[in-house]
C-alpha atoms as a PDB file:
ATOM      1  CA  MET A   1      -7.303 -61.590 -87.717  1.00  0.00           C
ATOM      2  CA  LYS A   2      -6.427 -61.364 -91.399  1.00  0.00           C
ATOM      3  CA  ILE A   3      -4.486 -58.691 -93.245  1.00  0.00           C
ATOM      4  CA  SER A   4      -4.923 -57.310 -96.750  1.00  0.00           C
ATOM      5  CA  ALA A   5      -2.755 -54.943 -98.780  1.00  0.00           C
ATOM      6  CA  SER A   6      -3.561 -52.074-101.120  1.00  0.00           C
ATOM      7  CA  ILE A   7      -2.975 -52.094-104.884  1.00  0.00           C
ATOM      8  CA  THR A   8      -2.964 -48.717-106.659  1.00  0.00           C
ATOM      9  CA  ASP A   9      -2.317 -47.550-110.233  1.00  0.00           C
ATOM     10  CA  PHE A  10       1.240 -46.768-109.217  1.00  0.00           C
ATOM     11  CA  PRO A  11       3.959 -47.413-110.225  1.00  0.00           C
ATOM     12  CA  ILE A  12       2.516 -46.437-113.604  1.00  0.00           C
ATOM     13  CA  PHE A  13       4.322 -49.147-115.584  1.00  0.00           C
ATOM     14  CA  SER A  14       3.684 -51.900-113.066  1.00  0.00           C
ATOM     15  CA  HIS A  15       1.484 -54.895-113.807  1.00  0.00           C
ATOM     16  CA  VAL A  16      -1.470 -55.903-111.655  1.00  0.00           C
ATOM     17  CA  LYS A  17      -0.370 -59.540-111.807  1.00  0.00           C
ATOM     18  CA  THR A  18       2.978 -58.595-110.255  1.00  0.00           C
ATOM     19  CA  PHE A  19       1.161 -57.213-107.218  1.00  0.00           C
ATOM     20  CA  PHE A  20      -1.009 -60.293-106.791  1.00  0.00           C
ATOM     21  CA  HIS A  21       1.996 -62.587-107.128  1.00  0.00           C
ATOM     22  CA  GLU A  22       4.232 -60.613-104.777  1.00  0.00           C
ATOM     23  CA  PHE A  23       1.468 -60.026-102.209  1.00  0.00           C
ATOM     24  CA  HIS A  24       0.708 -63.746-102.225  1.00  0.00           C
ATOM     25  CA  GLU A  25       4.396 -64.456-101.641  1.00  0.00           C
ATOM     26  CA  ALA A  26       4.445 -61.871 -98.837  1.00  0.00           C
ATOM     27  CA  GLY A  27       1.661 -63.716 -97.024  1.00  0.00           C
ATOM     28  CA  VAL A  28      -1.214 -61.237 -97.212  1.00  0.00           C
ATOM     29  CA  ASP A  29      -4.738 -62.636 -97.021  1.00  0.00           C
ATOM     30  CA  GLY A  30      -6.571 -60.274 -99.381  1.00  0.00           C
ATOM     31  CA  VAL A  31      -6.432 -57.126-101.469  1.00  0.00           C
ATOM     32  CA  GLU A  32      -7.892 -53.623-101.417  1.00  0.00           C
ATOM     33  CA  MET A  33      -8.108 -52.379-105.010  1.00  0.00           C
ATOM     34  CA  VAL A  34      -7.764 -48.659-105.573  1.00  0.00           C
ATOM     35  CA  LEU A  35      -9.983 -48.231-108.610  1.00  0.00           C
ATOM     36  CA  GLY A  36      -8.277 -46.223-111.304  1.00  0.00           C
ATOM     37  CA  ILE A  37      -7.335 -46.024-114.924  1.00  0.00           C
ATOM     38  CA  LYS A  38      -5.641 -49.424-115.152  1.00  0.00           C
ATOM     39  CA  SER A  39      -7.990 -51.393-112.904  1.00  0.00           C
ATOM     40  CA  ARG A  40     -11.097 -49.959-114.599  1.00  0.00           C
ATOM     41  CA  TRP A  41     -10.284 -51.834-117.797  1.00  0.00           C
ATOM     42  CA  GLN A  42      -9.088 -55.034-116.109  1.00  0.00           C
ATOM     43  CA  LEU A  43     -11.998 -56.072-113.897  1.00  0.00           C
ATOM     44  CA  ASN A  44     -12.313 -59.563-115.354  1.00  0.00           C
ATOM     45  CA  TYR A  45      -8.550 -60.030-115.243  1.00  0.00           C
ATOM     46  CA  ILE A  46      -8.460 -58.876-111.603  1.00  0.00           C
ATOM     47  CA  LYS A  47     -11.179 -61.388-110.721  1.00  0.00           C
ATOM     48  CA  GLN A  48      -9.115 -64.085-112.449  1.00  0.00           C
ATOM     49  CA  LEU A  49      -5.978 -63.095-110.520  1.00  0.00           C
ATOM     50  CA  SER A  50      -7.931 -62.994-107.269  1.00  0.00           C
ATOM     51  CA  ARG A  51      -8.964 -66.618-107.806  1.00  0.00           C
ATOM     52  CA  GLU A  52      -5.553 -67.725-109.073  1.00  0.00           C
ATOM     53  CA  TYR A  53      -3.655 -66.331-106.088  1.00  0.00           C
ATOM     54  CA  GLN A  54      -6.454 -66.953-103.567  1.00  0.00           C
ATOM     55  CA  LEU A  55      -6.498 -63.283-102.572  1.00  0.00           C
ATOM     56  CA  PRO A  56     -10.098 -62.066-102.266  1.00  0.00           C
ATOM     57  CA  ILE A  57     -10.921 -58.427-102.948  1.00  0.00           C
ATOM     58  CA  THR A  58     -11.759 -57.385 -99.383  1.00  0.00           C
ATOM     59  CA  SER A  59     -12.480 -53.730-100.216  1.00  0.00           C
ATOM     60  CA  VAL A  60     -12.062 -51.150-102.925  1.00  0.00           C
ATOM     61  CA  HIS A  61     -11.039 -47.513-102.797  1.00  0.00           C
ATOM     62  CA  GLN A  62     -12.884 -44.818-104.712  1.00  0.00           C
ATOM     63  CA  PRO A  63     -11.127 -43.511-107.850  1.00  0.00           C
ATOM     64  CA  ALA A  64      -9.083 -40.362-107.324  1.00  0.00           C
ATOM     65  CA  TRP A  65     -11.338 -38.317-109.608  1.00  0.00           C
ATOM     66  CA  SER A  66     -14.423 -38.982-107.474  1.00  0.00           C
ATOM     67  CA  GLY A  67     -12.850 -37.333-104.428  1.00  0.00           C
ATOM     68  CA  THR A  68     -12.063 -34.054-106.152  1.00  0.00           C
ATOM     69  CA  GLY A  69     -15.597 -32.767-106.596  1.00  0.00           C
ATOM     70  CA  ILE A  70     -15.002 -32.451-110.347  1.00  0.00           C
ATOM     71  CA  TYR A  71     -16.640 -35.686-111.491  1.00  0.00           C
ATOM     72  CA  PHE A  72     -18.529 -38.375-109.589  1.00  0.00           C
ATOM     73  CA  ASP A  73     -20.533 -41.253-111.040  1.00  0.00           C
ATOM     74  CA  LYS A  74     -21.885 -44.506-109.650  1.00  0.00           C
ATOM     75  CA  HIS A  75     -19.985 -46.840-111.940  1.00  0.00           C
ATOM     76  CA  PHE A  76     -17.224 -47.599-109.460  1.00  0.00           C
ATOM     77  CA  VAL A  77     -19.824 -48.863-106.986  1.00  0.00           C
ATOM     78  CA  GLU A  78     -20.916 -51.346-109.631  1.00  0.00           C
ATOM     79  CA  TRP A  79     -17.260 -52.243-110.238  1.00  0.00           C
ATOM     80  CA  ALA A  80     -16.835 -52.959-106.523  1.00  0.00           C
ATOM     81  CA  LYS A  81     -19.834 -55.287-106.539  1.00  0.00           C
ATOM     82  CA  GLU A  82     -18.447 -57.006-109.639  1.00  0.00           C
ATOM     83  CA  LEU A  83     -15.171 -57.590-107.780  1.00  0.00           C
ATOM     84  CA  GLY A  84     -17.066 -59.214-104.924  1.00  0.00           C
ATOM     85  CA  THR A  85     -17.078 -56.585-102.185  1.00  0.00           C
ATOM     86  CA  ASN A  86     -19.493 -54.016-100.799  1.00  0.00           C
ATOM     87  CA  ALA A  87     -16.850 -52.193 -98.712  1.00  0.00           C
ATOM     88  CA  ILE A  88     -15.717 -48.939-100.353  1.00  0.00           C
ATOM     89  CA  VAL A  89     -13.245 -46.419 -98.925  1.00  0.00           C
ATOM     90  CA  PHE A  90     -14.100 -42.761 -99.489  1.00  0.00           C
ATOM     91  CA  HIS A  91     -12.073 -39.631 -98.700  1.00  0.00           C
ATOM     92  CA  PRO A  92     -13.608 -36.307 -97.774  1.00  0.00           C
ATOM     93  CA  LEU A  93     -13.527 -33.952-100.749  1.00  0.00           C
ATOM     94  CA  SER A  94     -10.153 -32.375-101.415  1.00  0.00           C
ATOM     95  CA  PHE A  95      -9.662 -28.598-101.009  1.00  0.00           C
ATOM     96  CA  THR A  96     -13.019 -28.398 -99.207  1.00  0.00           C
ATOM     97  CA  SER A  97     -14.029 -27.817 -95.581  1.00  0.00           C
ATOM     98  CA  PHE A  98     -16.502 -29.980 -93.713  1.00  0.00           C
ATOM     99  CA  ALA A  99     -18.702 -26.917 -93.170  1.00  0.00           C
ATOM    100  CA  SER A 100     -19.106 -26.166 -96.874  1.00  0.00           C
ATOM    101  CA  ARG A 101     -22.260 -26.717 -98.899  1.00  0.00           C
ATOM    102  CA  THR A 102     -20.228 -28.740-101.404  1.00  0.00           C
ATOM    103  CA  MET A 103     -19.106 -31.181 -98.711  1.00  0.00           C
ATOM    104  CA  GLU A 104     -22.666 -31.451 -97.420  1.00  0.00           C
ATOM    105  CA  LYS A 105     -23.913 -32.481-100.870  1.00  0.00           C
ATOM    106  CA  TYR A 106     -21.055 -34.986-101.182  1.00  0.00           C
ATOM    107  CA  LEU A 107     -21.780 -36.598 -97.820  1.00  0.00           C
ATOM    108  CA  LYS A 108     -25.480 -36.819 -98.631  1.00  0.00           C
ATOM    109  CA  LYS A 109     -24.521 -38.580-101.862  1.00  0.00           C
ATOM    110  CA  LEU A 110     -22.386 -41.099 -99.954  1.00  0.00           C
ATOM    111  CA  ALA A 111     -25.246 -41.800 -97.552  1.00  0.00           C
ATOM    112  CA  SER A 112     -27.606 -42.207-100.519  1.00  0.00           C
ATOM    113  CA  LEU A 113     -25.224 -44.601-102.296  1.00  0.00           C
ATOM    114  CA  GLN A 114     -24.883 -46.650 -99.135  1.00  0.00           C
ATOM    115  CA  GLU A 115     -28.629 -47.166 -98.967  1.00  0.00           C
ATOM    116  CA  GLU A 116     -29.300 -47.551-102.692  1.00  0.00           C
ATOM    117  CA  PHE A 117     -26.555 -50.103-103.406  1.00  0.00           C
ATOM    118  CA  ASP A 118     -26.309 -51.790 -99.989  1.00  0.00           C
ATOM    119  CA  ILE A 119     -22.644 -50.887 -99.608  1.00  0.00           C
ATOM    120  CA  VAL A 120     -20.569 -49.977 -96.570  1.00  0.00           C
ATOM    121  CA  VAL A 121     -19.097 -46.492 -96.911  1.00  0.00           C
ATOM    122  CA  LEU A 122     -15.724 -46.416 -95.144  1.00  0.00           C
ATOM    123  CA  PHE A 123     -15.071 -42.715 -94.543  1.00  0.00           C
ATOM    124  CA  GLU A 124     -11.375 -41.983 -94.002  1.00  0.00           C
ATOM    125  CA  ASN A 125      -9.522 -39.480 -91.818  1.00  0.00           C
ATOM    126  CA  MET A 126      -7.030 -37.430 -93.812  1.00  0.00           C
ATOM    127  CA  PRO A 127      -3.547 -35.925 -93.306  1.00  0.00           C
ATOM    128  CA  LYS A 128      -2.839 -32.293 -92.612  1.00  0.00           C
ATOM    129  CA  ASP A 129      -1.389 -31.485 -96.011  1.00  0.00           C
ATOM    130  CA  PHE A 130      -1.964 -29.100 -98.912  1.00  0.00           C
ATOM    131  CA  VAL A 131      -4.782 -31.140-100.459  1.00  0.00           C
ATOM    132  CA  TYR A 132      -6.757 -31.457 -97.212  1.00  0.00           C
ATOM    133  CA  LYS A 133      -5.724 -28.283 -95.388  1.00  0.00           C
ATOM    134  CA  LYS A 134      -9.329 -27.005 -95.313  1.00  0.00           C
ATOM    135  CA  LEU A 135     -10.269 -29.937 -93.103  1.00  0.00           C
ATOM    136  CA  TYR A 136      -8.024 -28.348 -90.483  1.00  0.00           C
ATOM    137  CA  LEU A 137      -9.534 -24.864 -90.370  1.00  0.00           C
ATOM    138  CA  PRO A 138     -10.201 -23.363 -86.895  1.00  0.00           C
ATOM    139  CA  PRO A 139     -11.419 -24.614 -84.516  1.00  0.00           C
ATOM    140  CA  TYR A 140     -10.324 -28.014 -85.904  1.00  0.00           C
ATOM    141  CA  THR A 141      -6.617 -27.333 -86.288  1.00  0.00           C
ATOM    142  CA  THR A 142      -5.040 -30.417 -84.687  1.00  0.00           C
ATOM    143  CA  TYR A 143      -4.982 -34.085 -85.643  1.00  0.00           C
ATOM    144  CA  LEU A 144      -7.169 -34.982 -82.673  1.00  0.00           C
ATOM    145  CA  GLN A 145      -9.688 -32.268 -83.546  1.00  0.00           C
ATOM    146  CA  HIS A 146      -9.788 -33.525 -87.132  1.00  0.00           C
ATOM    147  CA  LEU A 147     -10.626 -37.012 -85.850  1.00  0.00           C
ATOM    148  CA  GLU A 148     -13.370 -35.485 -83.693  1.00  0.00           C
ATOM    149  CA  GLN A 149     -14.832 -33.741 -86.724  1.00  0.00           C
ATOM    150  CA  THR A 150     -14.568 -36.838 -88.926  1.00  0.00           C
ATOM    151  CA  ASN A 151     -16.391 -38.839 -86.260  1.00  0.00           C
ATOM    152  CA  ILE A 152     -19.144 -36.219 -85.973  1.00  0.00           C
ATOM    153  CA  TYR A 153     -19.859 -36.272 -89.704  1.00  0.00           C
ATOM    154  CA  ALA A 154     -19.750 -40.073 -89.876  1.00  0.00           C
ATOM    155  CA  ASP A 155     -22.394 -40.109 -87.152  1.00  0.00           C
ATOM    156  CA  MET A 156     -24.434 -37.431 -88.886  1.00  0.00           C
ATOM    157  CA  TYR A 157     -24.645 -39.359 -92.171  1.00  0.00           C
ATOM    158  CA  GLY A 158     -24.595 -42.927 -90.844  1.00  0.00           C
ATOM    159  CA  LEU A 159     -21.190 -43.826 -92.282  1.00  0.00           C
ATOM    160  CA  SER A 160     -18.599 -46.333 -91.143  1.00  0.00           C
ATOM    161  CA  LEU A 161     -14.948 -45.345 -90.814  1.00  0.00           C
ATOM    162  CA  THR A 162     -11.558 -46.186 -92.228  1.00  0.00           C
ATOM    163  CA  TYR A 163      -8.930 -45.252 -89.658  1.00  0.00           C
ATOM    164  CA  ASP A 164      -5.633 -44.440 -91.365  1.00  0.00           C
ATOM    165  CA  VAL A 165      -2.858 -44.935 -88.830  1.00  0.00           C
ATOM    166  CA  SER A 166      -0.278 -42.694 -90.498  1.00  0.00           C
ATOM    167  CA  HIS A 167      -2.407 -39.621 -91.158  1.00  0.00           C
ATOM    168  CA  PRO A 168      -2.857 -38.394 -87.555  1.00  0.00           C
ATOM    169  CA  GLU A 169       0.689 -39.399 -86.542  1.00  0.00           C
ATOM    170  CA  LEU A 170      -0.497 -40.869 -83.228  1.00  0.00           C
ATOM    171  CA  LYS A 171       2.031 -43.348 -81.855  1.00  0.00           C
ATOM    172  CA  GLN A 172      -0.568 -45.019 -79.630  1.00  0.00           C
ATOM    173  CA  PRO A 173      -4.011 -44.128 -80.980  1.00  0.00           C
ATOM    174  CA  GLN A 174      -5.630 -46.740 -78.762  1.00  0.00           C
ATOM    175  CA  LYS A 175      -4.885 -44.519 -75.756  1.00  0.00           C
ATOM    176  CA  GLU A 176      -6.731 -41.520 -77.207  1.00  0.00           C
ATOM    177  CA  LEU A 177     -10.330 -40.911 -76.135  1.00  0.00           C
ATOM    178  CA  ILE A 178     -11.414 -39.903 -79.642  1.00  0.00           C
ATOM    179  CA  PHE A 179     -10.120 -43.166 -81.111  1.00  0.00           C
ATOM    180  CA  GLN A 180     -12.013 -45.100 -78.472  1.00  0.00           C
ATOM    181  CA  ARG A 181     -15.174 -43.208 -79.414  1.00  0.00           C
ATOM    182  CA  MET A 182     -14.577 -43.852 -83.104  1.00  0.00           C
ATOM    183  CA  PHE A 183     -13.794 -47.513 -82.598  1.00  0.00           C
ATOM    184  CA  PRO A 184     -17.348 -48.948 -82.853  1.00  0.00           C
ATOM    185  CA  LYS A 185     -17.685 -47.361 -86.312  1.00  0.00           C
ATOM    186  CA  ILE A 186     -14.252 -48.412 -87.605  1.00  0.00           C
ATOM    187  CA  ALA A 187     -14.648 -51.140 -90.238  1.00  0.00           C
ATOM    188  CA  ASN A 188     -11.288 -50.772 -91.984  1.00  0.00           C
ATOM    189  CA  ILE A 189      -7.828 -49.866 -90.728  1.00  0.00           C
ATOM    190  CA  HIS A 190      -5.187 -48.584 -93.141  1.00  0.00           C
ATOM    191  CA  LEU A 191      -2.138 -49.893 -91.351  1.00  0.00           C
ATOM    192  CA  SER A 192       1.374 -48.512 -91.693  1.00  0.00           C
ATOM    193  CA  SER A 193       4.007 -46.766 -89.626  1.00  0.00           C
ATOM    194  CA  PHE A 194       5.314 -43.199 -89.839  1.00  0.00           C
ATOM    195  CA  VAL A 195       7.711 -40.569 -88.667  1.00  0.00           C
ATOM    196  CA  ARG A 196       6.642 -36.957 -88.494  1.00  0.00           C
ATOM    197  CA  GLY A 197       5.779 -35.763 -91.988  1.00  0.00           C
ATOM    198  CA  HIS A 198       6.580 -39.120 -93.623  1.00  0.00           C
ATOM    199  CA  HIS A 199       3.679 -41.554 -93.798  1.00  0.00           C
ATOM    200  CA  HIS A 200       2.914 -45.121 -94.955  1.00  0.00           C
ATOM    201  CA  LEU A 201       6.175 -46.707 -93.838  1.00  0.00           C
ATOM    202  CA  PRO A 202       6.545 -50.460 -93.258  1.00  0.00           C
ATOM    203  CA  LEU A 203       5.658 -51.706 -89.784  1.00  0.00           C
ATOM    204  CA  ASN A 204       9.297 -52.497 -88.956  1.00  0.00           C
ATOM    205  CA  LEU A 205      10.213 -48.795 -89.278  1.00  0.00           C
ATOM    206  CA  GLY A 206       9.002 -45.550 -87.761  1.00  0.00           C
ATOM    207  CA  GLN A 207       7.399 -44.573 -84.461  1.00  0.00           C
ATOM    208  CA  PHE A 208       4.064 -46.403 -84.463  1.00  0.00           C
ATOM    209  CA  ASP A 209       3.377 -48.767 -81.544  1.00  0.00           C
ATOM    210  CA  CYS A 210       2.157 -51.608 -83.730  1.00  0.00           C
ATOM    211  CA  LYS A 211       2.358 -54.203 -80.968  1.00  0.00           C
ATOM    212  CA  GLY A 212       0.219 -52.224 -78.531  1.00  0.00           C
ATOM    213  CA  PHE A 213      -2.265 -51.312 -81.256  1.00  0.00           C
ATOM    214  CA  VAL A 214      -2.762 -54.876 -82.504  1.00  0.00           C
ATOM    215  CA  GLU A 215      -3.098 -56.112 -78.934  1.00  0.00           C
ATOM    216  CA  TYR A 216      -5.850 -53.525 -78.420  1.00  0.00           C
ATOM    217  CA  LEU A 217      -7.674 -54.709 -81.550  1.00  0.00           C
ATOM    218  CA  VAL A 218      -7.583 -58.296 -80.338  1.00  0.00           C
ATOM    219  CA  LYS A 219      -8.674 -57.355 -76.825  1.00  0.00           C
ATOM    220  CA  LYS A 220     -11.623 -55.394 -78.211  1.00  0.00           C
ATOM    221  CA  GLN A 221     -12.479 -58.247 -80.611  1.00  0.00           C
ATOM    222  CA  TYR A 222     -12.172 -56.073 -83.685  1.00  0.00           C
ATOM    223  CA  LYS A 223     -14.040 -57.675 -86.589  1.00  0.00           C
ATOM    224  CA  GLY A 224     -13.266 -55.208 -89.393  1.00  0.00           C
ATOM    225  CA  LEU A 225     -10.663 -55.144 -92.135  1.00  0.00           C
ATOM    226  CA  VAL A 226      -6.952 -54.521 -91.648  1.00  0.00           C
ATOM    227  CA  THR A 227      -5.309 -53.226 -94.820  1.00  0.00           C
ATOM    228  CA  LEU A 228      -1.614 -52.526 -95.281  1.00  0.00           C
ATOM    229  CA  GLU A 229      -1.184 -49.179 -97.002  1.00  0.00           C
ATOM    230  CA  VAL A 230       2.578 -49.250 -97.295  1.00  0.00           C
ATOM    231  CA  TYR A 231       4.069 -47.102-100.048  1.00  0.00           C
ATOM    232  CA  TYR A 232       7.789 -47.426 -99.553  1.00  0.00           C
ATOM    233  CA  PRO A 233       9.921 -45.683-100.582  1.00  0.00           C
ATOM    234  CA  GLU A 234       7.261 -43.510-102.285  1.00  0.00           C
ATOM    235  CA  LEU A 235       3.693 -43.696-103.517  1.00  0.00           C
ATOM    236  CA  ILE A 236       4.009 -42.237-107.013  1.00  0.00           C
ATOM    237  CA  THR A 237       6.857 -43.380-109.199  1.00  0.00           C
ATOM    238  CA  LEU A 238       6.961 -43.593-112.979  1.00  0.00           C
ATOM    239  CA  GLY A 239       9.041 -46.747-113.198  1.00  0.00           C
ATOM    240  CA  ASN A 240       8.468 -50.270-111.922  1.00  0.00           C
ATOM    241  CA  THR A 241      10.043 -49.625-108.546  1.00  0.00           C
ATOM    242  CA  TYR A 242       8.035 -51.002-105.648  1.00  0.00           C
ATOM    243  CA  ASP A 243       9.660 -52.492-102.581  1.00  0.00           C
ATOM    244  CA  PHE A 244       7.604 -55.636-102.057  1.00  0.00           C
ATOM    245  CA  SER A 245       9.944 -56.635 -99.248  1.00  0.00           C
ATOM    246  CA  ALA A 246       8.370 -53.788 -97.253  1.00  0.00           C
ATOM    247  CA  ILE A 247       5.018 -55.589 -97.515  1.00  0.00           C
ATOM    248  CA  ALA A 248       6.577 -58.914 -96.540  1.00  0.00           C
ATOM    249  CA  LYS A 249       8.294 -57.371 -93.512  1.00  0.00           C
ATOM    250  CA  SER A 250       5.075 -55.667 -92.448  1.00  0.00           C
ATOM    251  CA  VAL A 251       3.072 -58.902 -92.734  1.00  0.00           C
ATOM    252  CA  LYS A 252       5.732 -60.657 -90.667  1.00  0.00           C
ATOM    253  CA  VAL A 253       5.563 -57.997 -87.929  1.00  0.00           C
ATOM    254  CA  PHE A 254       1.768 -58.176 -87.826  1.00  0.00           C
ATOM    255  CA  LYS A 255       1.525 -61.960 -87.742  1.00  0.00           C
ATOM    256  CA  GLU A 256       4.320 -62.341 -85.194  1.00  0.00           C
ATOM    257  CA  ILE A 257       2.415 -60.024 -82.834  1.00  0.00           C
ATOM    258  CA  LEU A 258      -0.709 -62.163 -83.268  1.00  0.00           C
ATOM    259  CA  ASP A 259       1.236 -65.406 -82.769  1.00  0.00           C
ATOM    260  CA  ARG A 260       2.675 -64.176 -79.468  1.00  0.00           C
ATOM    261  CA  LEU A 261      -0.654 -63.252 -77.969  1.00  0.00           C
ATOM    262  CA  PRO A 262      -2.051 -65.665 -75.371  1.00  0.00           C
END
């Protein structure tokens, strides 16, 4: 089982090459590119770096603006294909409930894109925070109920799933019935650890049972992507601060678990 890591536009003054170099040194096997302002204008350079550091683009993440409901075009799907992947992570719309007409139109668009461009839509479960609070309206007020609802809509529109480990704050998701029901549709796992209210920690910190979870994936012969989404100490920072050692430690934890399995 291989492991990728996510590259975003943050830190703002960081360089894409730094991420490829440091991720290569950390031992990751591939990269998920979060398409954004910087990456949009560096597609050829990203392809060059991917070859240079032997880190294939395993998936891409939709641009932030496409998940707001303000502006959505098809160009980023073409960018994904240009980068060599057909796997694209999509969020539900922000500040919008699943039951709304706006969300219905959005989900129909995702299903249409999947068919038109032969892509795999990886629909992600979201945290219970200000941006996504409408996904937790009654009767779907808990993390488990949100996963139930996410699974229902993925079924309804024929979408695959990205399971983000941190967002539902489940220490052992593999023991939850809803996760087991979601599992056949999961094609990407955003892997990190967490403590309550603090997500995307390295795998050597926090409360997540990484060992038990990875053992479950191996036992069930999981064939999808595993993508480190570790933003430590914080996701958005204006400087060049990014703790690449957190990625290296997380890769080490993951690969040591695999190495110890019979």
